[in-house]
Amino acid sequence: MPNQSPVVTPTLAEFEAAHAIVAQVAIETPVLHSNYLSKLTGADVWLKAETLQRTGAYKVRGAYHRMSKLTAAERKKGVVAASAGNHAQGVALAAKKLGIKATVFMPIGASLPKFLATQNYGAEVVLEGAVFAEALKAAQEYAAKKGAIFIPPYDNRDVVLGQGTVGLEILDQLEGVDSILVAIGGGGLAAGVAVAAKLKAQAQGRKIKIIGVQSANAASYVPSIKSGKVTQIATKPTIADGIAVAKPGQIPFELIKTHIDKVVTVTDDDIAKAIVTLLERSKLVVEPAGAVTVAALMTGAFKPKGRTVAVLSGGNFDPLLMQKVIGHGLVASDRYVTISVMLPDRPGMLVKTAEAIASAHGNVVEVLHTRHGDDFDISEVELRVSVETTGAEHSRRVLKALNDAGLKARVAKN
């Protein structure tokens, strides 16, 4: 494959050498078949479960490979990194295994489980700044002042080689892979997987497609690839904070623009639905950034043919955020609907409402009763009923049962 950029494309031998090093710390995570996604898409869909990796994500691969290349003098200086979660844990574990002092800067709002996990791996954690950019600046200032070696999360060739070992494993574990979907944030994982998998497939006399997936609210690679140069964007809030990167890494970008076949995007609603599906159908806890690949398959953003592997890049999911995301996913899937019922203010109407919902086999989980509203008649009250259903069709049956009972019911706007 030709290389038209100033970045030297890694060779298959380099990835294989990286894999031998990475195997000293990372496990070979399983590739699991998904009957549900196979039936949904009409393709043969498999899941590369990096959620089961040590530290709960692929990041330890790149961190360990990069740090294994440090000289004895550099190791004595220690390493420093900035991260809100997965990279922090990867650096911390890699440093522990290599006997290197690690300092990790995290934003003050970093989730408690990720903070504690990073500490437990032996790193010194410094909370600095309200957002990641401020933590990153503090880490770089620390490196300049103390002489510690800064370990970047993605924009480094050794990091890309380490992350690319995911691609090698997939092709070793599964024959005849036609396409791989991989999340893109800064681009280290996607660049590594794309180059490694294509080189290995080429050596096997085959071709393979690599599809990158980004959150629609943080899709910096879309305009970058279109313009042919690294382009910074203004990101919007997204539940996939692990891949919410405003500017691609220069090294990953040069590799991705040549080796990735297509970049697609998914919404937060799509991601939330995918998370619920993975929990229910595959019994896997997958963080939002790791579920974007499955979201792309479920929405048809990428229509797979043949044997397809979706990389689940991480499973470090704050329980409080998980609770919110699952609820959001149930709403987005029409499994949880809030219905507004306008009732005459007289006895017996609450019972009538409950009987109508029960007749359609809806399960009431929350009720809000109010007499106050700008568009209420003086003799009316509003009942907001949150109901669990089995999906969109069941939700419609519940709504119909209410209206057939003579009640003024509609899906609540908010």
Protein backbone atom coordinates (compact mmCIF):
# COMPACT_ATOMS: atom_id res chain seq x y z
CA MET A 1 0.00 0.00 0.00
CA PRO A 2 1.55 3.33 -1.01
CA ASN A 3 2.34 5.95 1.58
CA GLN A 4 1.79 9.47 0.35
CA SER A 5 2.39 11.28 3.62
CA PRO A 6 5.48 12.34 5.59
CA VAL A 7 4.51 9.83 8.27
CA VAL A 8 6.27 6.53 7.64
CA THR A 9 3.68 3.77 7.43
CA PRO A 10 4.47 0.96 9.90
CA THR A 11 5.30 -2.46 8.49
CA LEU A 12 3.67 -5.77 9.35
CA ALA A 13 6.93 -6.81 11.01
CA GLU A 14 6.77 -3.74 13.26
CA PHE A 15 3.23 -4.57 14.34
CA GLU A 16 4.19 -8.18 15.04
CA ALA A 17 7.18 -7.02 17.11
CA ALA A 18 4.87 -4.63 18.99
CA HIS A 19 2.45 -7.49 19.64
CA ALA A 20 5.20 -9.56 21.27
CA ILE A 21 5.91 -6.64 23.61
CA VAL A 22 2.26 -5.82 24.31
CA ALA A 23 1.55 -9.47 25.14
CA GLN A 24 3.72 -9.02 28.25
CA VAL A 25 0.93 -6.97 29.82
CA ALA A 26 -2.25 -7.20 27.71
CA ILE A 27 -4.45 -10.27 27.34
CA GLU A 28 -5.78 -11.52 24.01
CA THR A 29 -9.41 -10.48 24.35
CA PRO A 30 -12.10 -12.73 22.86
CA VAL A 31 -13.97 -12.26 19.61
CA LEU A 32 -17.61 -13.12 20.34
CA HIS A 33 -20.33 -13.93 17.82
CA SER A 34 -23.51 -11.83 17.93
CA ASN A 35 -26.59 -13.72 16.79
CA TYR A 36 -28.73 -10.62 17.29
CA LEU A 37 -26.61 -8.27 15.18
CA SER A 38 -26.09 -10.94 12.54
CA LYS A 39 -29.84 -11.38 12.16
CA LEU A 40 -30.42 -7.62 12.22
CA THR A 41 -27.84 -6.81 9.54
CA GLY A 42 -27.89 -9.96 7.44
CA ALA A 43 -24.11 -10.25 7.89
CA ASP A 44 -21.94 -12.45 10.11
CA VAL A 45 -21.21 -10.07 12.99
CA TRP A 46 -18.59 -10.58 15.71
CA LEU A 47 -17.51 -8.41 18.66
CA LYS A 48 -13.87 -7.84 19.66
CA ALA A 49 -14.32 -7.40 23.41
CA GLU A 50 -11.56 -5.03 24.52
CA THR A 51 -14.00 -4.29 27.34
CA LEU A 52 -12.48 -7.38 28.96
CA GLN A 53 -8.92 -6.10 28.57
CA ARG A 54 -6.79 -5.31 31.63
CA THR A 55 -7.75 -1.79 32.80
CA GLY A 56 -11.04 -2.27 30.92
CA ALA A 57 -9.87 -0.80 27.61
CA TYR A 58 -7.36 -1.14 24.77
CA LYS A 59 -5.30 1.85 25.95
CA VAL A 60 -2.80 -0.22 27.94
CA ARG A 61 -1.50 -1.65 24.64
CA GLY A 62 -0.24 1.65 23.27
CA ALA A 63 0.91 3.01 26.62
CA TYR A 64 2.96 -0.09 27.42
CA HIS A 65 4.51 -0.28 23.94
CA ARG A 66 5.52 3.38 24.03
CA MET A 67 6.97 3.15 27.52
CA SER A 68 8.84 -0.08 26.74
CA LYS A 69 10.91 1.96 24.26
CA LEU A 70 12.17 4.40 26.88
CA THR A 71 15.86 4.29 27.69
CA ALA A 72 17.08 3.58 31.21
CA ALA A 73 17.83 7.29 31.66
CA GLU A 74 14.33 8.24 30.49
CA ARG A 75 12.70 5.71 32.81
CA LYS A 76 14.48 7.26 35.77
CA LYS A 77 12.81 10.60 34.93
CA GLY A 78 9.36 9.06 35.24
CA VAL A 79 6.39 9.54 32.95
CA VAL A 80 3.46 11.92 32.97
CA ALA A 81 0.11 11.80 31.18
CA ALA A 82 -3.23 13.56 31.06
CA SER A 83 -6.50 11.69 30.80
CA ALA A 84 -10.07 11.58 32.00
CA GLY A 85 -10.01 7.81 32.32
CA ASN A 86 -8.84 4.99 30.02
CA HIS A 87 -5.43 6.38 29.03
CA ALA A 88 -4.78 7.20 32.69
CA GLN A 89 -5.33 3.60 33.72
CA GLY A 90 -3.30 2.27 30.80
CA VAL A 91 -0.32 4.47 31.66
CA ALA A 92 -0.60 3.63 35.35
CA LEU A 93 -0.58 -0.14 34.79
CA ALA A 94 2.18 0.04 32.17
CA ALA A 95 4.34 2.11 34.52
CA LYS A 96 3.77 -0.37 37.35
CA LYS A 97 4.80 -3.31 35.15
CA LEU A 98 7.91 -1.48 33.92
CA GLY A 99 8.92 -0.07 37.31
CA ILE A 100 8.50 3.56 36.25
CA LYS A 101 7.11 6.37 38.39
CA ALA A 102 3.91 7.73 36.81
CA THR A 103 2.08 10.99 37.41
CA VAL A 104 -1.35 11.37 35.83
CA PHE A 105 -3.28 14.63 35.61
CA MET A 106 -7.05 14.27 35.55
CA PRO A 107 -9.78 16.94 35.41
CA ILE A 108 -11.37 17.74 38.76
CA GLY A 109 -14.66 16.30 37.47
CA ALA A 110 -13.18 12.91 36.51
CA SER A 111 -15.34 9.99 37.60
CA LEU A 112 -14.50 8.52 40.99
CA PRO A 113 -14.13 4.89 39.74
CA LYS A 114 -11.55 5.95 37.11
CA PHE A 115 -9.70 8.13 39.62
CA LEU A 116 -9.50 5.32 42.16
CA ALA A 117 -8.52 2.71 39.56
CA THR A 118 -5.65 4.88 38.33
CA GLN A 119 -4.45 5.33 41.91
CA ASN A 120 -4.76 1.62 42.61
CA TYR A 121 -2.45 0.84 39.69
CA GLY A 122 0.19 2.88 41.51
CA ALA A 123 0.17 6.24 39.74
CA GLU A 124 0.21 9.58 41.52
CA VAL A 125 -3.01 11.30 40.47
CA VAL A 126 -3.23 15.08 40.34
CA LEU A 127 -6.66 16.68 39.86
CA GLU A 128 -6.19 19.83 37.83
CA GLY A 129 -8.59 21.95 35.79
CA ALA A 130 -12.29 21.82 35.12
CA VAL A 131 -11.90 20.20 31.67
CA PHE A 132 -9.44 17.84 30.00
CA ALA A 133 -7.65 20.62 28.09
CA GLU A 134 -6.65 22.23 31.39
CA ALA A 135 -5.41 18.91 32.77
CA LEU A 136 -3.42 18.38 29.57
CA LYS A 137 -1.78 21.79 29.86
CA ALA A 138 -0.85 21.07 33.47
CA ALA A 139 0.68 17.72 32.50
CA GLN A 140 2.77 19.30 29.75
CA GLU A 141 3.97 22.03 32.14
CA TYR A 142 4.89 19.33 34.66
CA ALA A 143 6.87 17.47 32.00
CA ALA A 144 8.78 20.63 31.07
CA LYS A 145 9.50 21.48 34.70
CA LYS A 146 10.35 18.02 36.06
CA GLY A 147 11.84 16.46 32.94
CA ALA A 148 9.30 13.61 33.03
CA ILE A 149 8.51 11.90 29.72
CA PHE A 150 5.07 12.84 28.40
CA ILE A 151 3.07 9.83 27.16
CA PRO A 152 0.52 11.00 24.55
CA PRO A 153 -2.80 9.17 24.23
CA TYR A 154 -2.72 8.77 20.44
CA ASP A 155 -0.39 11.09 18.50
CA ASN A 156 2.73 8.93 18.65
CA ARG A 157 4.00 6.20 16.33
CA ASP A 158 4.83 3.73 19.11
CA VAL A 159 1.36 4.24 20.58
CA VAL A 160 -0.22 3.57 17.18
CA LEU A 161 1.82 0.37 16.82
CA GLY A 162 0.65 -0.81 20.24
CA GLN A 163 -3.00 -0.10 19.53
CA GLY A 164 -2.74 -1.80 16.14
CA THR A 165 -2.18 -5.14 17.86
CA VAL A 166 -5.97 -5.27 18.23
CA GLY A 167 -6.17 -5.62 14.44
CA LEU A 168 -3.57 -8.39 14.33
CA GLU A 169 -5.44 -10.36 16.98
CA ILE A 170 -8.74 -10.13 15.12
CA LEU A 171 -7.27 -11.67 11.97
CA ASP A 172 -5.45 -14.33 14.00
CA GLN A 173 -8.62 -15.26 15.87
CA LEU A 174 -11.10 -15.21 13.00
CA GLU A 175 -10.74 -16.36 9.41
CA GLY A 176 -12.23 -14.56 6.44
CA VAL A 177 -12.90 -11.16 8.03
CA ASP A 178 -14.34 -8.78 5.41
CA SER A 179 -14.66 -5.61 7.47
CA ILE A 180 -13.75 -4.13 10.85
CA LEU A 181 -15.50 -1.22 12.54
CA VAL A 182 -13.45 0.83 14.98
CA ALA A 183 -14.13 3.98 17.01
CA ILE A 184 -12.20 7.15 16.23
CA GLY A 185 -11.33 9.81 18.79
CA GLY A 186 -7.81 11.15 18.33
CA GLY A 187 -7.23 8.26 15.97
CA GLY A 188 -4.54 6.06 17.56
CA LEU A 189 -6.65 2.90 17.72
CA ALA A 190 -8.26 3.38 14.30
CA ALA A 191 -4.94 4.14 12.60
CA GLY A 192 -3.24 1.14 14.17
CA VAL A 193 -6.06 -1.30 13.45
CA ALA A 194 -6.49 -0.05 9.87
CA VAL A 195 -2.83 -0.37 8.90
CA ALA A 196 -2.16 -3.61 10.80
CA ALA A 197 -5.29 -5.39 9.58
CA LYS A 198 -4.81 -4.34 5.97
CA LEU A 199 -1.17 -5.39 5.96
CA LYS A 200 -2.00 -8.77 7.49
CA ALA A 201 -4.93 -9.33 5.12
CA GLN A 202 -2.69 -8.39 2.20
CA ALA A 203 -0.13 -10.96 3.36
CA GLN A 204 -2.96 -13.52 3.34
CA GLY A 205 -3.88 -12.55 -0.21
CA ARG A 206 -7.13 -10.87 0.87
CA LYS A 207 -8.64 -7.42 1.09
CA ILE A 208 -10.43 -5.98 4.09
CA LYS A 209 -12.47 -2.84 4.72
CA ILE A 210 -11.91 -0.67 7.78
CA ILE A 211 -14.74 1.62 8.87
CA GLY A 212 -14.17 4.41 11.37
CA VAL A 213 -17.02 5.55 13.62
CA GLN A 214 -17.32 8.89 15.41
CA SER A 215 -19.90 10.60 17.57
CA ALA A 216 -21.85 13.07 15.44
CA ASN A 217 -21.16 15.73 18.09
CA ALA A 218 -17.39 15.28 17.90
CA ALA A 219 -16.64 14.19 14.34
CA SER A 220 -13.34 15.96 13.69
CA TYR A 221 -12.18 13.40 11.12
CA VAL A 222 -15.07 14.07 8.74
CA PRO A 223 -14.00 17.63 7.77
CA SER A 224 -10.33 16.72 8.14
CA ILE A 225 -10.51 13.92 5.57
CA LYS A 226 -12.65 16.05 3.28
CA SER A 227 -10.12 18.91 3.34
CA GLY A 228 -7.08 16.64 3.34
CA LYS A 229 -5.59 18.26 6.44
CA VAL A 230 -6.03 18.19 10.20
CA THR A 231 -9.02 20.39 11.03
CA GLN A 232 -10.10 21.46 14.50
CA ILE A 233 -13.81 21.61 15.22
CA ALA A 234 -16.01 22.89 18.04
CA THR A 235 -17.32 19.74 19.69
CA LYS A 236 -20.77 19.50 21.23
CA PRO A 237 -21.58 17.56 24.40
CA THR A 238 -21.75 13.80 23.84
CA ILE A 239 -22.10 10.76 26.06
CA ALA A 240 -19.13 9.30 24.14
CA ASP A 241 -16.66 11.52 25.98
CA GLY A 242 -13.85 9.03 25.44
CA ILE A 243 -13.74 9.92 21.73
CA ALA A 244 -14.77 13.58 21.99
CA VAL A 245 -11.60 14.96 20.41
CA ALA A 246 -11.74 18.34 18.67
CA LYS A 247 -8.57 17.90 16.61
CA PRO A 248 -7.18 14.68 15.08
CA GLY A 249 -3.68 13.59 15.96
CA GLN A 250 -1.31 14.40 13.10
CA ILE A 251 0.28 10.93 12.91
CA PRO A 252 -3.02 8.99 13.12
CA PHE A 253 -4.63 11.33 10.59
CA GLU A 254 -1.95 10.72 7.97
CA LEU A 255 -2.47 6.96 8.33
CA ILE A 256 -6.25 7.07 8.56
CA LYS A 257 -6.78 9.20 5.45
CA THR A 258 -4.92 6.55 3.46
CA HIS A 259 -6.05 3.32 5.09
CA ILE A 260 -9.58 3.83 6.41
CA ASP A 261 -12.24 3.18 3.78
CA LYS A 262 -15.01 5.29 5.30
CA VAL A 263 -15.85 7.35 8.39
CA VAL A 264 -19.46 7.36 9.60
CA THR A 265 -21.16 9.09 12.53
CA VAL A 266 -23.80 8.12 15.09
CA THR A 267 -25.91 10.17 17.49
CA ASP A 268 -26.13 9.92 21.27
CA ASP A 269 -29.54 8.26 20.91
CA ASP A 270 -27.98 5.67 18.58
CA ILE A 271 -25.17 5.03 21.08
CA ALA A 272 -27.57 4.68 24.02
CA LYS A 273 -29.64 2.12 22.10
CA ALA A 274 -26.48 0.17 21.28
CA ILE A 275 -25.43 0.11 24.95
CA VAL A 276 -28.81 -1.31 26.00
CA THR A 277 -28.64 -3.90 23.20
CA LEU A 278 -25.15 -5.02 24.23
CA LEU A 279 -26.28 -5.36 27.85
CA GLU A 280 -29.37 -7.35 26.99
CA ARG A 281 -28.20 -9.43 24.05
CA SER A 282 -24.46 -9.94 24.63
CA LYS A 283 -24.28 -9.45 28.43
CA LEU A 284 -21.46 -6.93 27.95
CA VAL A 285 -20.95 -3.64 29.75
CA VAL A 286 -19.65 -1.24 27.09
CA GLU A 287 -18.93 2.44 27.64
CA PRO A 288 -20.44 4.92 25.12
CA ALA A 289 -17.20 5.44 23.17
CA GLY A 290 -16.87 1.66 22.84
CA ALA A 291 -20.45 1.14 21.62
CA VAL A 292 -20.33 3.49 18.61
CA THR A 293 -19.33 0.63 16.30
CA VAL A 294 -22.44 -1.37 17.22
CA ALA A 295 -24.53 1.80 16.88
CA ALA A 296 -23.26 2.15 13.29
CA LEU A 297 -24.41 -1.39 12.52
CA MET A 298 -27.80 -0.97 14.19
CA THR A 299 -28.61 2.29 12.39
CA GLY A 300 -27.34 1.18 9.00
CA ALA A 301 -24.72 3.95 8.95
CA PHE A 302 -22.56 1.09 7.69
CA LYS A 303 -24.25 -1.81 5.92
CA PRO A 304 -21.97 -4.82 6.39
CA LYS A 305 -21.46 -7.69 3.97
CA GLY A 306 -19.79 -10.92 4.92
CA ARG A 307 -17.87 -11.45 8.15
CA THR A 308 -17.76 -8.22 10.15
CA VAL A 309 -16.06 -7.38 13.44
CA ALA A 310 -17.08 -4.45 15.65
CA VAL A 311 -14.35 -3.43 18.08
CA LEU A 312 -15.74 -2.70 21.56
CA SER A 313 -12.90 -0.45 22.67
CA GLY A 314 -13.70 -0.08 26.37
CA GLY A 315 -15.99 -0.90 29.26
CA ASN A 316 -15.07 1.65 31.93
CA PHE A 317 -18.55 2.96 32.60
CA ASP A 318 -19.27 5.16 35.64
CA PRO A 319 -22.33 3.54 37.30
CA LEU A 320 -24.06 6.91 37.71
CA LEU A 321 -23.63 7.72 34.02
CA MET A 322 -24.66 4.17 33.12
CA GLN A 323 -27.94 4.64 34.94
CA LYS A 324 -28.68 7.79 32.95
CA VAL A 325 -27.59 6.33 29.62
CA ILE A 326 -29.63 3.15 30.05
CA GLY A 327 -32.70 5.24 30.83
CA HIS A 328 -32.00 7.38 27.76
CA GLY A 329 -31.52 4.27 25.66
CA LEU A 330 -34.84 2.82 26.80
CA VAL A 331 -36.60 6.06 25.88
CA ALA A 332 -34.85 6.21 22.49
CA SER A 333 -35.92 2.60 21.85
CA ASP A 334 -39.56 3.35 22.80
CA ARG A 335 -39.20 0.98 25.74
CA TYR A 336 -39.98 3.73 28.23
CA VAL A 337 -42.62 6.32 27.35
CA THR A 338 -44.07 9.25 29.29
CA ILE A 339 -47.71 9.94 28.47
CA SER A 340 -49.60 13.12 29.29
CA VAL A 341 -53.26 12.50 30.17
CA MET A 342 -55.62 15.47 30.63
CA LEU A 343 -58.34 14.50 33.11
CA PRO A 344 -61.47 16.07 34.55
CA ASP A 345 -60.75 16.99 38.17
CA ARG A 346 -63.09 14.47 39.79
CA PRO A 347 -62.80 11.21 41.76
CA GLY A 348 -62.15 7.93 39.93
CA MET A 349 -60.17 9.27 36.98
CA LEU A 350 -56.83 7.96 38.24
CA VAL A 351 -58.34 4.47 38.53
CA LYS A 352 -59.75 4.74 35.00
CA THR A 353 -56.33 5.71 33.67
CA ALA A 354 -54.60 2.83 35.45
CA GLU A 355 -57.18 0.33 34.17
CA ALA A 356 -56.70 1.50 30.57
CA ILE A 357 -52.92 1.12 30.81
CA ALA A 358 -53.28 -2.30 32.46
CA SER A 359 -55.63 -3.46 29.68
CA ALA A 360 -52.76 -2.87 27.22
CA HIS A 361 -50.27 -4.61 29.55
CA GLY A 362 -48.23 -1.47 30.20
CA ASN A 363 -46.24 -1.24 33.43
CA VAL A 364 -46.52 2.09 35.27
CA VAL A 365 -43.25 3.12 36.92
CA GLU A 366 -43.87 6.77 37.79
CA VAL A 367 -46.84 9.12 38.11
CA LEU A 368 -46.91 12.92 38.36
CA HIS A 369 -50.21 14.70 39.09
CA THR A 370 -50.53 18.48 38.71
CA ARG A 371 -53.27 21.10 38.60
CA HIS A 372 -50.98 23.84 37.27
CA GLY A 373 -50.35 24.70 33.64
CA ASP A 374 -50.77 27.59 31.20
CA ASP A 375 -53.05 25.62 28.85
CA PHE A 376 -55.17 23.88 31.50
CA ASP A 377 -58.90 24.40 31.82
CA ILE A 378 -59.84 25.32 35.38
CA SER A 379 -61.56 21.95 35.81
CA GLU A 380 -58.65 19.89 34.39
CA VAL A 381 -55.59 18.19 35.84
CA GLU A 382 -52.64 16.65 34.04
CA LEU A 383 -51.43 13.18 34.81
CA ARG A 384 -47.95 12.33 33.54
CA VAL A 385 -47.53 8.59 33.53
CA SER A 386 -44.19 6.91 32.76
CA VAL A 387 -44.76 3.43 31.36
CA GLU A 388 -42.44 0.54 30.53
CA THR A 389 -43.28 -1.14 27.23
CA THR A 390 -41.73 -3.70 24.90
CA GLY A 391 -41.19 -1.20 22.10
CA ALA A 392 -42.78 1.27 19.71
CA GLU A 393 -45.77 -0.90 18.78
CA HIS A 394 -46.60 -1.63 22.42
CA SER A 395 -46.32 2.09 23.26
CA ARG A 396 -48.87 2.84 20.54
CA ARG A 397 -51.22 0.21 21.97
CA VAL A 398 -51.01 1.78 25.42
CA LEU A 399 -51.75 5.22 23.98
CA LYS A 400 -54.67 3.83 21.98
CA ALA A 401 -56.11 2.09 25.05
CA LEU A 402 -56.14 5.40 26.93
CA ASN A 403 -57.83 7.29 24.11
CA ASP A 404 -60.32 4.45 23.52
CA ALA A 405 -61.25 4.83 27.19
CA GLY A 406 -62.29 8.43 26.46
CA LEU A 407 -59.16 10.00 27.94
CA LYS A 408 -57.18 12.79 26.28
CA ALA A 409 -53.76 11.14 26.03
CA ARG A 410 -50.61 11.95 24.07
CA VAL A 411 -46.91 11.31 24.35
CA ALA A 412 -45.41 14.03 26.59
CA LYS A 413 -43.14 16.50 24.82
CA ASN A 414 -40.63 16.69 27.66
